[in-house]
Amino acid sequence: TLTAGVAHEIKNPLASISIHIQLIKKTMQGKE
């Protein structure tokens, strides 16, 4: 139960981190 809960809880922050890293890459794309 705990493992399933951890897997579920981890998904949201990982998704948020992924989105914001993509936004950072987009901001930096083609710029020195």
Full PDB file with SEQRES, HELIX, SHEET, SSBOND, CRYST1, ORIGX, SCALE, CONECT and MASTER records, all heavy atoms in Angstrom:
SEQRES   1 A   32  THR LEU THR ALA GLY VAL ALA HIS GLU ILE LYS ASN PRO          
SEQRES   2 A   32  LEU ALA SER ILE SER ILE HIS ILE GLN LEU ILE LYS LYS          
SEQRES   3 A   32  THR MET GLN GLY LYS GLU                                      
HELIX    1 AA1 LEU A    2  MET A   28  1                                  27    
CRYST1    1.000    1.000    1.000  90.00  90.00  90.00 P 1           1          
ORIGX1      1.000000  0.000000  0.000000        0.00000                         
ORIGX2      0.000000  1.000000  0.000000        0.00000                         
ORIGX3      0.000000  0.000000  1.000000        0.00000                         
SCALE1      1.000000  0.000000  0.000000        0.00000                         
SCALE2      0.000000  1.000000  0.000000        0.00000                         
SCALE3      0.000000  0.000000  1.000000        0.00000                         
ATOM      1  N   THR A   1       0.828  -1.212   0.000  1.00  0.00           N  
ATOM      2  CA  THR A   1       0.000   0.000   0.000  1.00  0.00           C  
ATOM      3  C   THR A   1       0.857   1.254   0.000  1.00  0.00           C  
ATOM      4  O   THR A   1       0.589   2.213  -0.743  1.00  0.00           O  
ATOM      5  CB  THR A   1      -0.926   0.005   1.231  1.00  0.00           C  
ATOM      6  OG1 THR A   1      -1.711  -1.188   1.235  1.00  0.00           O  
ATOM      7  CG2 THR A   1      -1.845   1.213   1.219  1.00  0.00           C  
ATOM      8  N   LEU A   2       1.895   1.243   0.855  1.00  0.00           N  
ATOM      9  CA  LEU A   2       2.793   2.398   0.926  1.00  0.00           C  
ATOM     10  C   LEU A   2       3.497   2.642  -0.398  1.00  0.00           C  
ATOM     11  O   LEU A   2       3.611   3.781  -0.861  1.00  0.00           O  
ATOM     12  CB  LEU A   2       3.838   2.184   2.035  1.00  0.00           C  
ATOM     13  CG  LEU A   2       3.408   2.530   3.453  1.00  0.00           C  
ATOM     14  CD1 LEU A   2       4.460   2.045   4.440  1.00  0.00           C  
ATOM     15  CD2 LEU A   2       3.205   4.026   3.611  1.00  0.00           C  
ATOM     16  N   THR A   3       3.978   1.570  -1.003  1.00  0.00           N  
ATOM     17  CA  THR A   3       4.692   1.696  -2.274  1.00  0.00           C  
ATOM     18  C   THR A   3       3.789   2.265  -3.355  1.00  0.00           C  
ATOM     19  O   THR A   3       4.192   3.149  -4.126  1.00  0.00           O  
ATOM     20  CB  THR A   3       5.242   0.324  -2.714  1.00  0.00           C  
ATOM     21  OG1 THR A   3       6.064  -0.210  -1.673  1.00  0.00           O  
ATOM     22  CG2 THR A   3       6.073   0.453  -3.977  1.00  0.00           C  
ATOM     23  N   ALA A   4       2.558   1.769  -3.400  1.00  0.00           N  
ATOM     24  CA  ALA A   4       1.604   2.291  -4.379  1.00  0.00           C  
ATOM     25  C   ALA A   4       1.312   3.761  -4.117  1.00  0.00           C  
ATOM     26  O   ALA A   4       1.210   4.575  -5.044  1.00  0.00           O  
ATOM     27  CB  ALA A   4       0.310   1.477  -4.329  1.00  0.00           C  
ATOM     28  N   GLY A   5       1.219   4.109  -2.819  1.00  0.00           N  
ATOM     29  CA  GLY A   5       0.976   5.501  -2.462  1.00  0.00           C  
ATOM     30  C   GLY A   5       2.127   6.403  -2.827  1.00  0.00           C  
ATOM     31  O   GLY A   5       1.936   7.517  -3.330  1.00  0.00           O  
ATOM     32  N   VAL A   6       3.359   5.925  -2.573  1.00  0.00           N  
ATOM     33  CA  VAL A   6       4.550   6.709  -2.928  1.00  0.00           C  
ATOM     34  C   VAL A   6       4.604   6.929  -4.430  1.00  0.00           C  
ATOM     35  O   VAL A   6       4.879   8.039  -4.908  1.00  0.00           O  
ATOM     36  CB  VAL A   6       5.833   6.002  -2.437  1.00  0.00           C  
ATOM     37  CG1 VAL A   6       7.068   6.637  -3.063  1.00  0.00           C  
ATOM     38  CG2 VAL A   6       5.931   6.084  -0.925  1.00  0.00           C  
ATOM     39  N   ALA A   7       4.342   5.875  -5.192  1.00  0.00           N  
ATOM     40  CA  ALA A   7       4.367   5.990  -6.661  1.00  0.00           C  
ATOM     41  C   ALA A   7       3.362   7.038  -7.128  1.00  0.00           C  
ATOM     42  O   ALA A   7       3.652   7.850  -8.022  1.00  0.00           O  
ATOM     43  CB  ALA A   7       4.062   4.635  -7.295  1.00  0.00           C  
ATOM     44  N   HIS A   8       2.184   7.028  -6.498  1.00  0.00           N  
ATOM     45  CA  HIS A   8       1.160   7.999  -6.878  1.00  0.00           C  
ATOM     46  C   HIS A   8       1.570   9.411  -6.488  1.00  0.00           C  
ATOM     47  O   HIS A   8       1.409  10.366  -7.279  1.00  0.00           O  
ATOM     48  CB  HIS A   8      -0.166   7.631  -6.202  1.00  0.00           C  
ATOM     49  CG  HIS A   8      -1.266   8.614  -6.459  1.00  0.00           C  
ATOM     50  ND1 HIS A   8      -1.935   8.681  -7.665  1.00  0.00           N  
ATOM     51  CD2 HIS A   8      -1.799   9.587  -5.666  1.00  0.00           C  
ATOM     52  CE1 HIS A   8      -2.838   9.650  -7.604  1.00  0.00           C  
ATOM     53  NE2 HIS A   8      -2.783  10.202  -6.408  1.00  0.00           N  
ATOM     54  N   GLU A   9       2.119   9.560  -5.264  1.00  0.00           N  
ATOM     55  CA  GLU A   9       2.503  10.888  -4.774  1.00  0.00           C  
ATOM     56  C   GLU A   9       3.660  11.478  -5.569  1.00  0.00           C  
ATOM     57  O   GLU A   9       3.746  12.691  -5.742  1.00  0.00           O  
ATOM     58  CB  GLU A   9       2.888  10.801  -3.290  1.00  0.00           C  
ATOM     59  CG  GLU A   9       1.723  10.553  -2.352  1.00  0.00           C  
ATOM     60  CD  GLU A   9       0.750  11.723  -2.329  1.00  0.00           C  
ATOM     61  OE1 GLU A   9       1.197  12.875  -2.211  1.00  0.00           O  
ATOM     62  OE2 GLU A   9      -0.463  11.477  -2.444  1.00  0.00           O  
ATOM     63  N   ILE A  10       4.560  10.627  -6.027  1.00  0.00           N  
ATOM     64  CA  ILE A  10       5.737  11.105  -6.745  1.00  0.00           C  
ATOM     65  C   ILE A  10       5.374  11.620  -8.144  1.00  0.00           C  
ATOM     66  O   ILE A  10       6.047  12.504  -8.685  1.00  0.00           O  
ATOM     67  CB  ILE A  10       6.800   9.987  -6.826  1.00  0.00           C  
ATOM     68  CG1 ILE A  10       7.513   9.853  -5.476  1.00  0.00           C  
ATOM     69  CG2 ILE A  10       7.805  10.237  -7.929  1.00  0.00           C  
ATOM     70  CD1 ILE A  10       8.505   8.727  -5.420  1.00  0.00           C  
ATOM     71  N   LYS A  11       4.311  11.093  -8.707  1.00  0.00           N  
ATOM     72  CA  LYS A  11       3.943  11.462 -10.084  1.00  0.00           C  
ATOM     73  C   LYS A  11       3.717  12.964 -10.236  1.00  0.00           C  
ATOM     74  O   LYS A  11       4.189  13.572 -11.200  1.00  0.00           O  
ATOM     75  CB  LYS A  11       2.677  10.711 -10.506  1.00  0.00           C  
ATOM     76  CG  LYS A  11       2.917   9.257 -10.885  1.00  0.00           C  
ATOM     77  CD  LYS A  11       1.608   8.614 -11.340  1.00  0.00           C  
ATOM     78  CE  LYS A  11       1.836   7.160 -11.738  1.00  0.00           C  
ATOM     79  NZ  LYS A  11       0.574   6.518 -12.181  1.00  0.00           N  
ATOM     80  N   ASN A  12       2.998  13.572  -9.308  1.00  0.00           N  
ATOM     81  CA  ASN A  12       2.659  14.988  -9.441  1.00  0.00           C  
ATOM     82  C   ASN A  12       3.885  15.902  -9.419  1.00  0.00           C  
ATOM     83  O   ASN A  12       4.048  16.731 -10.319  1.00  0.00           O  
ATOM     84  CB  ASN A  12       1.655  15.398  -8.359  1.00  0.00           C  
ATOM     85  CG  ASN A  12       0.294  14.784  -8.586  1.00  0.00           C  
ATOM     86  OD1 ASN A  12      -0.071  14.470  -9.716  1.00  0.00           O  
ATOM     87  ND2 ASN A  12      -0.462  14.601  -7.519  1.00  0.00           N  
ATOM     88  N   PRO A  13       4.777  15.802  -8.404  1.00  0.00           N  
ATOM     89  CA  PRO A  13       5.963  16.669  -8.441  1.00  0.00           C  
ATOM     90  C   PRO A  13       6.874  16.394  -9.631  1.00  0.00           C  
ATOM     91  O   PRO A  13       7.474  17.313 -10.188  1.00  0.00           O  
ATOM     92  CB  PRO A  13       6.664  16.379  -7.110  1.00  0.00           C  
ATOM     93  CG  PRO A  13       6.084  15.130  -6.593  1.00  0.00           C  
ATOM     94  CD  PRO A  13       4.701  15.051  -7.146  1.00  0.00           C  
ATOM     95  N   LEU A  14       6.971  15.110 -10.046  1.00  0.00           N  
ATOM     96  CA  LEU A  14       7.800  14.799 -11.215  1.00  0.00           C  
ATOM     97  C   LEU A  14       7.226  15.443 -12.473  1.00  0.00           C  
ATOM     98  O   LEU A  14       7.965  15.981 -13.307  1.00  0.00           O  
ATOM     99  CB  LEU A  14       7.904  13.279 -11.402  1.00  0.00           C  
ATOM    100  CG  LEU A  14       8.840  12.527 -10.462  1.00  0.00           C  
ATOM    101  CD1 LEU A  14       8.812  11.037 -10.760  1.00  0.00           C  
ATOM    102  CD2 LEU A  14      10.268  13.051 -10.567  1.00  0.00           C  
ATOM    103  N   ALA A  15       5.904  15.401 -12.595  1.00  0.00           N  
ATOM    104  CA  ALA A  15       5.264  16.026 -13.757  1.00  0.00           C  
ATOM    105  C   ALA A  15       5.495  17.530 -13.749  1.00  0.00           C  
ATOM    106  O   ALA A  15       5.788  18.142 -14.797  1.00  0.00           O  
ATOM    107  CB  ALA A  15       3.775  15.719 -13.747  1.00  0.00           C  
ATOM    108  N   SER A  16       5.388  18.135 -12.574  1.00  0.00           N  
ATOM    109  CA  SER A  16       5.608  19.579 -12.462  1.00  0.00           C  
ATOM    110  C   SER A  16       7.046  19.945 -12.795  1.00  0.00           C  
ATOM    111  O   SER A  16       7.310  20.924 -13.515  1.00  0.00           O  
ATOM    112  CB  SER A  16       5.263  20.044 -11.042  1.00  0.00           C  
ATOM    113  OG  SER A  16       5.483  21.425 -10.904  1.00  0.00           O  
ATOM    114  N   ILE A  17       8.003  19.161 -12.288  1.00  0.00           N  
ATOM    115  CA  ILE A  17       9.419  19.406 -12.586  1.00  0.00           C  
ATOM    116  C   ILE A  17       9.664  19.294 -14.087  1.00  0.00           C  
ATOM    117  O   ILE A  17      10.355  20.130 -14.694  1.00  0.00           O  
ATOM    118  CB  ILE A  17      10.303  18.406 -11.811  1.00  0.00           C  
ATOM    119  CG1 ILE A  17      10.297  18.742 -10.317  1.00  0.00           C  
ATOM    120  CG2 ILE A  17      11.740  18.431 -12.337  1.00  0.00           C  
ATOM    121  CD1 ILE A  17      10.968  17.701  -9.453  1.00  0.00           C  
ATOM    122  N   SER A  18       9.084  18.250 -14.691  1.00  0.00           N  
ATOM    123  CA  SER A  18       9.263  18.045 -16.130  1.00  0.00           C  
ATOM    124  C   SER A  18       8.739  19.236 -16.937  1.00  0.00           C  
ATOM    125  O   SER A  18       9.392  19.721 -17.867  1.00  0.00           O  
ATOM    126  CB  SER A  18       8.552  16.757 -16.555  1.00  0.00           C  
ATOM    127  OG  SER A  18       8.652  16.572 -17.947  1.00  0.00           O  
ATOM    128  N   ILE A  19       7.553  19.727 -16.560  1.00  0.00           N  
ATOM    129  CA  ILE A  19       6.952  20.864 -17.284  1.00  0.00           C  
ATOM    130  C   ILE A  19       7.831  22.110 -17.185  1.00  0.00           C  
ATOM    131  O   ILE A  19       8.094  22.793 -18.191  1.00  0.00           O  
ATOM    132  CB  ILE A  19       5.532  21.148 -16.738  1.00  0.00           C  
ATOM    133  CG1 ILE A  19       4.573  20.019 -17.140  1.00  0.00           C  
ATOM    134  CG2 ILE A  19       5.017  22.494 -17.238  1.00  0.00           C  
ATOM    135  CD1 ILE A  19       3.226  20.095 -16.457  1.00  0.00           C  
ATOM    136  N   HIS A  20       8.300  22.413 -15.999  1.00  0.00           N  
ATOM    137  CA  HIS A  20       9.077  23.639 -15.803  1.00  0.00           C  
ATOM    138  C   HIS A  20      10.477  23.538 -16.418  1.00  0.00           C  
ATOM    139  O   HIS A  20      11.037  24.551 -16.852  1.00  0.00           O  
ATOM    140  CB  HIS A  20       9.139  23.989 -14.318  1.00  0.00           C  
ATOM    141  CG  HIS A  20       7.853  24.583 -13.800  1.00  0.00           C  
ATOM    142  ND1 HIS A  20       7.556  25.916 -13.920  1.00  0.00           N  
ATOM    143  CD2 HIS A  20       6.778  24.005 -13.212  1.00  0.00           C  
ATOM    144  CE1 HIS A  20       6.369  26.151 -13.403  1.00  0.00           C  
ATOM    145  NE2 HIS A  20       5.869  24.990 -12.960  1.00  0.00           N  
ATOM    146  N   ILE A  21      11.036  22.347 -16.460  1.00  0.00           N  
ATOM    147  CA  ILE A  21      12.317  22.184 -17.160  1.00  0.00           C  
ATOM    148  C   ILE A  21      12.115  22.424 -18.656  1.00  0.00           C  
ATOM    149  O   ILE A  21      12.952  23.061 -19.320  1.00  0.00           O  
ATOM    150  CB  ILE A  21      12.897  20.777 -16.891  1.00  0.00           C  
ATOM    151  CG1 ILE A  21      13.425  20.696 -15.458  1.00  0.00           C  
ATOM    152  CG2 ILE A  21      14.021  20.466 -17.881  1.00  0.00           C  
ATOM    153  CD1 ILE A  21      13.948  19.340 -15.066  1.00  0.00           C  
ATOM    154  N   GLN A  22      10.999  21.917 -19.192  1.00  0.00           N  
ATOM    155  CA  GLN A  22      10.696  22.172 -20.613  1.00  0.00           C  
ATOM    156  C   GLN A  22      10.519  23.666 -20.874  1.00  0.00           C  
ATOM    157  O   GLN A  22      10.967  24.192 -21.901  1.00  0.00           O  
ATOM    158  CB  GLN A  22       9.434  21.411 -21.014  1.00  0.00           C  
ATOM    159  CG  GLN A  22       9.617  19.895 -21.087  1.00  0.00           C  
ATOM    160  CD  GLN A  22       8.319  19.179 -21.404  1.00  0.00           C  
ATOM    161  OE1 GLN A  22       7.447  19.735 -22.062  1.00  0.00           O  
ATOM    162  NE2 GLN A  22       8.210  17.939 -20.935  1.00  0.00           N  
ATOM    163  N   LEU A  23       9.865  24.384 -19.952  1.00  0.00           N  
ATOM    164  CA  LEU A  23       9.679  25.826 -20.097  1.00  0.00           C  
ATOM    165  C   LEU A  23      11.021  26.564 -20.039  1.00  0.00           C  
ATOM    166  O   LEU A  23      11.233  27.549 -20.762  1.00  0.00           O  
ATOM    167  CB  LEU A  23       8.732  26.349 -19.012  1.00  0.00           C  
ATOM    168  CG  LEU A  23       7.271  25.910 -19.147  1.00  0.00           C  
ATOM    169  CD1 LEU A  23       6.464  26.324 -17.917  1.00  0.00           C  
ATOM    170  CD2 LEU A  23       6.648  26.503 -20.413  1.00  0.00           C  
ATOM    171  N   ILE A  24      11.912  26.081 -19.181  1.00  0.00           N  
ATOM    172  CA  ILE A  24      13.258  26.685 -19.106  1.00  0.00           C  
ATOM    173  C   ILE A  24      13.996  26.478 -20.428  1.00  0.00           C  
ATOM    174  O   ILE A  24      14.635  27.390 -20.966  1.00  0.00           O  
ATOM    175  CB  ILE A  24      14.047  26.090 -17.923  1.00  0.00           C  
ATOM    176  CG1 ILE A  24      13.447  26.554 -16.583  1.00  0.00           C  
ATOM    177  CG2 ILE A  24      15.526  26.496 -18.002  1.00  0.00           C  
ATOM    178  CD1 ILE A  24      14.037  25.866 -15.377  1.00  0.00           C  
ATOM    179  N   LYS A  25      13.914  25.230 -20.949  1.00  0.00           N  
ATOM    180  CA  LYS A  25      14.572  24.933 -22.233  1.00  0.00           C  
ATOM    181  C   LYS A  25      14.001  25.819 -23.351  1.00  0.00           C  
ATOM    182  O   LYS A  25      14.742  26.312 -24.209  1.00  0.00           O  
ATOM    183  CB  LYS A  25      14.374  23.462 -22.595  1.00  0.00           C  
ATOM    184  CG  LYS A  25      15.206  22.500 -21.767  1.00  0.00           C  
ATOM    185  CD  LYS A  25      14.950  21.069 -22.215  1.00  0.00           C  
ATOM    186  CE  LYS A  25      15.821  20.082 -21.438  1.00  0.00           C  
ATOM    187  NZ  LYS A  25      15.566  18.684 -21.872  1.00  0.00           N  
ATOM    188  N   LYS A  26      12.677  25.997 -23.347  1.00  0.00           N  
ATOM    189  CA  LYS A  26      12.035  26.821 -24.375  1.00  0.00           C  
ATOM    190  C   LYS A  26      12.499  28.269 -24.273  1.00  0.00           C  
ATOM    191  O   LYS A  26      12.723  28.938 -25.297  1.00  0.00           O  
ATOM    192  CB  LYS A  26      10.521  26.737 -24.212  1.00  0.00           C  
ATOM    193  CG  LYS A  26       9.744  27.438 -25.318  1.00  0.00           C  
ATOM    194  CD  LYS A  26       8.256  27.239 -25.144  1.00  0.00           C  
ATOM    195  CE  LYS A  26       7.478  27.931 -26.243  1.00  0.00           C  
ATOM    196  NZ  LYS A  26       6.002  27.740 -26.091  1.00  0.00           N  
ATOM    197  N   THR A  27      12.644  28.740 -23.022  1.00  0.00           N  
ATOM    198  CA  THR A  27      13.107  30.115 -22.814  1.00  0.00           C  
ATOM    199  C   THR A  27      14.540  30.292 -23.306  1.00  0.00           C  
ATOM    200  O   THR A  27      14.919  31.352 -23.836  1.00  0.00           O  
ATOM    201  CB  THR A  27      13.010  30.476 -21.317  1.00  0.00           C  
ATOM    202  OG1 THR A  27      11.675  30.297 -20.871  1.00  0.00           O  
ATOM    203  CG2 THR A  27      13.418  31.918 -21.072  1.00  0.00           C  
ATOM    204  N   MET A  28      15.363  29.245 -23.129  1.00  0.00           N  
ATOM    205  CA  MET A  28      16.784  29.318 -23.487  1.00  0.00           C  
ATOM    206  C   MET A  28      17.046  28.984 -24.951  1.00  0.00           C  
ATOM    207  O   MET A  28      18.140  29.260 -25.464  1.00  0.00           O  
ATOM    208  CB  MET A  28      17.590  28.345 -22.603  1.00  0.00           C  
ATOM    209  CG  MET A  28      17.554  28.692 -21.122  1.00  0.00           C  
ATOM    210  SD  MET A  28      18.360  27.433 -20.110  1.00  0.00           S  
ATOM    211  CE  MET A  28      20.016  27.474 -20.755  1.00  0.00           C  
ATOM    212  N   GLN A  29      16.065  28.405 -25.616  1.00  0.00           N  
ATOM    213  CA  GLN A  29      16.279  27.901 -26.983  1.00  0.00           C  
ATOM    214  C   GLN A  29      16.683  29.029 -27.946  1.00  0.00           C  
ATOM    215  O   GLN A  29      16.011  30.057 -28.056  1.00  0.00           O  
ATOM    216  CB  GLN A  29      15.000  27.223 -27.492  1.00  0.00           C  
ATOM    217  CG  GLN A  29      15.200  26.462 -28.786  1.00  0.00           C  
ATOM    218  CD  GLN A  29      13.953  25.664 -29.162  1.00  0.00           C  
ATOM    219  OE1 GLN A  29      12.901  25.822 -28.552  1.00  0.00           O  
ATOM    220  NE2 GLN A  29      14.089  24.817 -30.165  1.00  0.00           N  
ATOM    221  N   GLY A  30      17.804  28.809 -28.624  1.00  0.00           N  
ATOM    222  CA  GLY A  30      18.300  29.743 -29.637  1.00  0.00           C  
ATOM    223  C   GLY A  30      18.896  31.012 -29.075  1.00  0.00           C  
ATOM    224  O   GLY A  30      19.173  31.955 -29.846  1.00  0.00           O  
ATOM    225  N   LYS A  31      19.121  31.087 -27.789  1.00  0.00           N  
ATOM    226  CA  LYS A  31      19.677  32.297 -27.176  1.00  0.00           C  
ATOM    227  C   LYS A  31      21.023  31.993 -26.540  1.00  0.00           C  
ATOM    228  O   LYS A  31      21.224  30.924 -25.957  1.00  0.00           O  
ATOM    229  CB  LYS A  31      18.715  32.851 -26.128  1.00  0.00           C  
ATOM    230  CG  LYS A  31      17.353  33.246 -26.699  1.00  0.00           C  
ATOM    231  CD  LYS A  31      16.425  33.732 -25.604  1.00  0.00           C  
ATOM    232  CE  LYS A  31      15.051  34.072 -26.167  1.00  0.00           C  
ATOM    233  NZ  LYS A  31      14.112  34.488 -25.109  1.00  0.00           N  
ATOM    234  N   GLU A  32      21.941  32.954 -26.648  1.00  0.00           N  
ATOM    235  CA  GLU A  32      23.262  32.785 -26.036  1.00  0.00           C  
ATOM    236  C   GLU A  32      23.213  33.106 -24.543  1.00  0.00           C  
ATOM    237  O   GLU A  32      23.991  32.569 -23.755  1.00  0.00           O  
ATOM    238  CB  GLU A  32      24.275  33.691 -26.725  1.00  0.00           C  
ATOM    239  CG  GLU A  32      24.560  33.290 -28.171  1.00  0.00           C  
ATOM    240  CD  GLU A  32      25.652  34.160 -28.789  1.00  0.00           C  
ATOM    241  OE1 GLU A  32      26.171  35.038 -28.061  1.00  0.00           O  
ATOM    242  OE2 GLU A  32      25.961  33.953 -29.953  1.00  0.00           O  
TER     243      GLU A  32                                                      
MASTER        0    0    0    1    0    0    0    6  242    1    0    3          
END                                                                             
